[in-house]
Amino acid sequence: MKPLLRCGLLPCFSVVLLFVCFSNAAHAEPLLVSAAASLTDALREITEAYQQAKPGRQITYNFGGSGTLQHQIENGAPVDVFISAASEPMDALDKQELLLPGSRIDLLTNTLVLIAPKDRQDLSSFADLTAPQVKHLAIGEPRTVPAGLYAIECLSAQNLLPQVQTKLVRLLHVRQVLAAVETGNADAGLVYRTDAAISKKVRTVATAPPGSHRPIKYPVAIVRRSQQPAEAQEYVNFLRSAPARALFEKHGFTLAP
């Protein structure tokens, strides 16, 4: 029987999207994987491939801003695997010895892009963000969303931040930024290339200039308090496998060296 996918809410977790995957065969408690929101679609599809390779495995996903997920782990959330969209949240957990030693690796890379509603043609570059017709520029909250931090760095590197500071709309995660641009609630937004690729309602205006922000890395690690470290390692190993690589690349990600 084909595995079923269903969504639910996880108690005590705020602004999360969960995908709970079940299969016929009984297994131990589901692995809880906290992952950056930009990985939502790729990990949904990878889970189906994982369950074909490992019948009986159950995965629960908690998607959100990487900084928010970091704080949840610090506060005792029963997470088995953490996948961040930046090194800093993972570094913070590492310093507190909350990660299983030796389990951390850099998994993926991505690209930052400027997007606008598809039918809007008055934007062709980052410089156009200073025009008066651009009133709202959506970004992730820089304190908790890596894409927001990359956005601030990108705008600063181009000497645009002082001119667009009052236009910034800071949102809880990168998928909220995408939605704001899709609905026209924002005139433009800064998201990952992989987010822009899933929407038919936005267009990519420009790619962040090389060197305008720190490298975008997605590290993954097993949380030290995991009660299923062997199963967690098995899952992380699958994320580096050929089937998972093909699916990540399908969604626009690049595997880290």
Protein backbone atom coordinates (compact mmCIF):
# COMPACT_ATOMS: atom_id res chain seq x y z
CA MET A 1 0.00 0.00 0.00
CA LYS A 2 1.29 3.46 -0.82
CA PRO A 3 2.39 5.46 2.26
CA LEU A 4 -0.07 8.14 3.37
CA LEU A 5 0.85 11.79 3.93
CA ARG A 6 -1.11 13.89 6.32
CA CYS A 7 -0.68 17.21 8.08
CA GLY A 8 -1.16 18.03 11.73
CA LEU A 9 -0.16 20.50 14.42
CA LEU A 10 2.52 19.73 16.95
CA PRO A 11 1.62 20.89 20.49
CA CYS A 12 3.85 23.61 21.93
CA PHE A 13 5.43 24.38 18.56
CA SER A 14 4.50 27.74 17.05
CA VAL A 15 4.05 28.41 13.35
CA VAL A 16 5.06 24.97 12.17
CA LEU A 17 4.03 22.80 9.31
CA LEU A 18 4.09 19.08 9.92
CA PHE A 19 4.06 16.22 7.51
CA VAL A 20 3.53 12.89 9.30
CA CYS A 21 4.30 9.94 7.12
CA PHE A 22 2.98 6.49 7.95
CA SER A 23 3.50 3.10 6.37
CA ASN A 24 1.93 -0.32 6.83
CA ALA A 25 4.71 -1.83 8.89
CA ALA A 26 4.90 -0.95 12.55
CA HIS A 27 8.08 0.69 13.79
CA ALA A 28 9.39 2.61 16.75
CA GLU A 29 8.46 6.20 17.54
CA PRO A 30 8.61 8.49 14.49
CA LEU A 31 11.78 10.47 13.96
CA LEU A 32 11.14 14.18 14.49
CA VAL A 33 13.06 16.23 11.92
CA SER A 34 13.13 20.00 12.39
CA ALA A 35 14.01 21.57 9.04
CA ALA A 36 14.22 25.00 7.42
CA ALA A 37 10.95 25.97 5.72
CA SER A 38 12.66 26.20 2.32
CA LEU A 39 13.12 22.41 2.41
CA THR A 40 9.41 21.63 2.71
CA ASP A 41 8.72 20.40 -0.83
CA ALA A 42 12.02 18.59 -1.33
CA LEU A 43 11.75 16.68 1.96
CA ARG A 44 8.13 15.70 1.30
CA GLU A 45 9.23 13.94 -1.87
CA ILE A 46 12.40 12.51 -0.36
CA THR A 47 10.37 10.96 2.46
CA GLU A 48 8.40 8.92 -0.06
CA ALA A 49 11.66 7.60 -1.54
CA TYR A 50 13.05 6.95 1.95
CA GLN A 51 10.03 4.91 2.96
CA GLN A 52 10.30 2.82 -0.19
CA ALA A 53 13.90 2.04 0.77
CA LYS A 54 13.13 1.64 4.48
CA PRO A 55 9.58 0.27 4.91
CA GLY A 56 8.18 0.94 8.34
CA ARG A 57 10.11 4.12 9.01
CA GLN A 58 8.00 7.04 10.25
CA ILE A 59 9.09 10.66 9.90
CA THR A 60 7.46 13.75 11.42
CA TYR A 61 8.58 17.08 9.98
CA ASN A 62 8.57 20.38 11.83
CA PHE A 63 9.25 23.18 9.32
CA GLY A 64 10.01 26.80 10.24
CA GLY A 65 12.63 29.50 10.48
CA SER A 66 16.00 28.02 11.40
CA GLY A 67 16.46 30.35 14.37
CA THR A 68 13.02 29.45 15.72
CA LEU A 69 13.81 25.75 15.37
CA GLN A 70 17.12 26.30 17.16
CA HIS A 71 15.33 27.91 20.12
CA GLN A 72 12.84 25.04 20.27
CA ILE A 73 15.71 22.55 20.55
CA GLU A 74 17.37 24.69 23.22
CA ASN A 75 14.10 24.62 25.14
CA GLY A 76 13.89 20.84 25.09
CA ALA A 77 11.83 20.01 22.02
CA PRO A 78 12.16 16.24 21.34
CA VAL A 79 13.93 16.67 18.01
CA ASP A 80 16.02 13.87 16.50
CA VAL A 81 17.49 15.61 13.43
CA PHE A 82 17.97 19.32 12.72
CA ILE A 83 18.51 20.76 9.22
CA SER A 84 19.26 24.48 9.24
CA ALA A 85 19.46 26.98 6.36
CA ALA A 86 22.56 28.58 7.89
CA SER A 87 25.54 27.65 10.00
CA GLU A 88 24.82 30.03 12.89
CA PRO A 89 21.84 28.18 14.45
CA MET A 90 23.78 24.93 14.22
CA ASP A 91 26.89 26.60 15.69
CA ALA A 92 24.84 27.82 18.65
CA LEU A 93 23.57 24.33 19.41
CA ASP A 94 27.05 22.88 18.96
CA LYS A 95 28.49 25.32 21.52
CA GLN A 96 25.88 24.19 24.02
CA GLU A 97 26.77 20.53 23.34
CA LEU A 98 23.24 19.81 22.16
CA LEU A 99 24.36 17.97 19.02
CA LEU A 100 25.58 14.39 18.79
CA PRO A 101 29.36 14.64 18.35
CA GLY A 102 30.55 13.82 14.85
CA SER A 103 27.06 13.86 13.30
CA ARG A 104 27.15 17.34 11.76
CA ILE A 105 27.77 17.74 8.03
CA ASP A 106 27.07 20.41 5.41
CA LEU A 107 24.25 18.99 3.30
CA LEU A 108 23.16 21.56 0.70
CA THR A 109 23.74 24.99 -0.83
CA ASN A 110 21.30 27.47 -2.34
CA THR A 111 21.09 30.87 -4.08
CA LEU A 112 19.37 34.11 -3.00
CA VAL A 113 17.11 35.81 -5.57
CA LEU A 114 14.91 38.88 -5.84
CA ILE A 115 11.33 38.11 -6.88
CA ALA A 116 8.26 40.13 -7.89
CA PRO A 117 4.68 39.26 -8.85
CA LYS A 118 4.68 37.64 -12.29
CA ASP A 119 2.56 40.34 -13.91
CA ARG A 120 4.66 43.17 -12.53
CA GLN A 121 7.22 44.37 -15.08
CA ASP A 122 8.54 47.59 -13.51
CA LEU A 123 11.33 45.79 -11.64
CA SER A 124 14.44 44.60 -13.45
CA SER A 125 17.24 44.94 -10.88
CA PHE A 126 18.00 45.40 -7.20
CA ALA A 127 18.45 49.13 -7.84
CA ASP A 128 14.77 49.40 -8.78
CA LEU A 129 13.86 48.64 -5.16
CA THR A 130 14.58 52.29 -4.35
CA ALA A 131 11.83 53.50 -6.72
CA PRO A 132 8.77 55.08 -5.06
CA GLN A 133 6.40 52.51 -6.59
CA VAL A 134 8.06 49.83 -4.46
CA LYS A 135 6.43 50.29 -1.08
CA HIS A 136 6.83 46.87 0.55
CA LEU A 137 9.87 44.58 0.30
CA ALA A 138 9.35 41.25 2.07
CA ILE A 139 12.24 39.45 3.75
CA GLY A 140 12.58 36.87 6.49
CA GLU A 141 13.06 38.15 10.02
CA PRO A 142 16.89 38.45 10.10
CA ARG A 143 17.14 37.42 13.77
CA THR A 144 15.57 34.00 13.17
CA VAL A 145 15.41 33.43 9.40
CA PRO A 146 18.72 32.90 7.55
CA ALA A 147 17.20 34.09 4.25
CA GLY A 148 16.42 37.38 6.00
CA LEU A 149 19.99 37.72 7.22
CA TYR A 150 21.31 36.97 3.74
CA ALA A 151 18.88 39.59 2.38
CA ILE A 152 20.16 42.27 4.74
CA GLU A 153 23.76 41.45 3.82
CA CYS A 154 22.92 41.52 0.10
CA LEU A 155 21.18 44.91 0.32
CA SER A 156 23.99 46.35 2.47
CA ALA A 157 26.67 45.16 0.05
CA GLN A 158 24.91 47.07 -2.75
CA ASN A 159 24.49 50.20 -0.58
CA LEU A 160 20.71 49.87 -0.86
CA LEU A 161 19.75 49.15 2.73
CA PRO A 162 19.45 52.79 3.93
CA GLN A 163 17.13 53.56 1.01
CA VAL A 164 14.84 50.55 1.47
CA GLN A 165 14.94 50.16 5.27
CA THR A 166 11.46 51.66 5.77
CA LYS A 167 10.01 49.36 3.07
CA LEU A 168 11.09 46.12 4.74
CA VAL A 169 8.38 43.70 5.87
CA ARG A 170 9.92 41.04 8.11
CA LEU A 171 8.18 37.66 8.12
CA LEU A 172 8.47 34.44 10.13
CA HIS A 173 9.98 32.26 7.41
CA VAL A 174 10.90 32.31 3.74
CA ARG A 175 7.67 30.67 2.56
CA GLN A 176 5.72 33.56 4.09
CA VAL A 177 7.88 35.91 2.02
CA LEU A 178 7.01 33.94 -1.10
CA ALA A 179 3.30 34.04 -0.23
CA ALA A 180 3.38 37.80 0.37
CA VAL A 181 4.76 38.39 -3.13
CA GLU A 182 2.39 35.85 -4.71
CA THR A 183 -0.63 37.65 -3.27
CA GLY A 184 0.63 41.14 -4.07
CA ASN A 185 0.89 42.08 -0.40
CA ALA A 186 4.54 42.82 -1.10
CA ASP A 187 5.92 44.46 -4.25
CA ALA A 188 9.05 42.33 -4.11
CA GLY A 189 10.81 39.85 -1.87
CA LEU A 190 14.09 38.07 -1.28
CA VAL A 191 13.87 34.27 -1.20
CA TYR A 192 15.92 31.26 -2.21
CA ARG A 193 16.04 30.19 -5.84
CA THR A 194 14.35 26.94 -4.80
CA ASP A 195 11.36 28.85 -3.38
CA ALA A 196 10.94 30.97 -6.49
CA ALA A 197 11.02 27.85 -8.65
CA ILE A 198 7.91 26.32 -7.07
CA SER A 199 5.63 29.28 -7.78
CA LYS A 200 3.90 30.21 -11.03
CA LYS A 201 2.80 33.52 -9.53
CA VAL A 202 6.22 35.14 -9.19
CA ARG A 203 9.17 35.80 -11.45
CA THR A 204 12.85 36.05 -10.60
CA VAL A 205 14.01 39.63 -11.14
CA ALA A 206 17.68 39.20 -10.27
CA THR A 207 20.16 36.94 -8.51
CA ALA A 208 22.18 38.26 -5.58
CA PRO A 209 25.61 39.40 -6.83
CA PRO A 210 28.49 37.03 -6.01
CA GLY A 211 30.07 37.89 -2.68
CA SER A 212 27.16 40.07 -1.55
CA HIS A 213 26.33 37.73 1.33
CA ARG A 214 27.90 34.85 3.21
CA PRO A 215 27.71 31.43 1.52
CA ILE A 216 24.33 29.74 1.91
CA LYS A 217 24.82 26.39 3.62
CA TYR A 218 22.35 23.86 4.98
CA PRO A 219 24.03 21.83 7.75
CA VAL A 220 22.37 18.76 9.23
CA ALA A 221 23.07 17.08 12.58
CA ILE A 222 21.57 14.63 15.04
CA VAL A 223 20.39 16.15 18.31
CA ARG A 224 22.21 14.68 21.30
CA ARG A 225 19.04 13.90 23.27
CA SER A 226 17.59 11.80 20.42
CA GLN A 227 16.31 8.45 21.67
CA GLN A 228 16.86 6.93 18.22
CA PRO A 229 20.39 7.93 17.17
CA ALA A 230 20.89 4.90 14.93
CA GLU A 231 17.66 5.55 13.04
CA ALA A 232 18.50 9.25 12.87
CA GLN A 233 21.90 8.46 11.36
CA GLU A 234 20.27 6.13 8.86
CA TYR A 235 17.98 8.99 7.77
CA VAL A 236 20.88 11.45 7.48
CA ASN A 237 22.82 8.91 5.41
CA PHE A 238 19.85 8.64 3.05
CA LEU A 239 19.85 12.41 2.54
CA ARG A 240 23.32 11.99 1.00
CA SER A 241 22.32 9.06 -1.19
CA ALA A 242 21.90 9.12 -4.98
CA PRO A 243 18.06 9.02 -4.86
CA ALA A 244 17.93 11.94 -2.42
CA ARG A 245 20.56 13.86 -4.39
CA ALA A 246 18.45 13.58 -7.55
CA LEU A 247 15.39 14.89 -5.72
CA PHE A 248 17.26 17.76 -4.08
CA GLU A 249 18.62 18.77 -7.48
CA LYS A 250 15.15 18.50 -8.99
CA HIS A 251 14.05 21.13 -6.49
CA GLY A 252 17.00 23.40 -7.29
CA PHE A 253 19.36 22.59 -4.44
CA THR A 254 23.01 21.68 -4.84
CA LEU A 255 24.62 19.12 -2.56
CA ALA A 256 27.51 20.54 -0.59
CA PRO A 257 30.95 19.11 -1.33
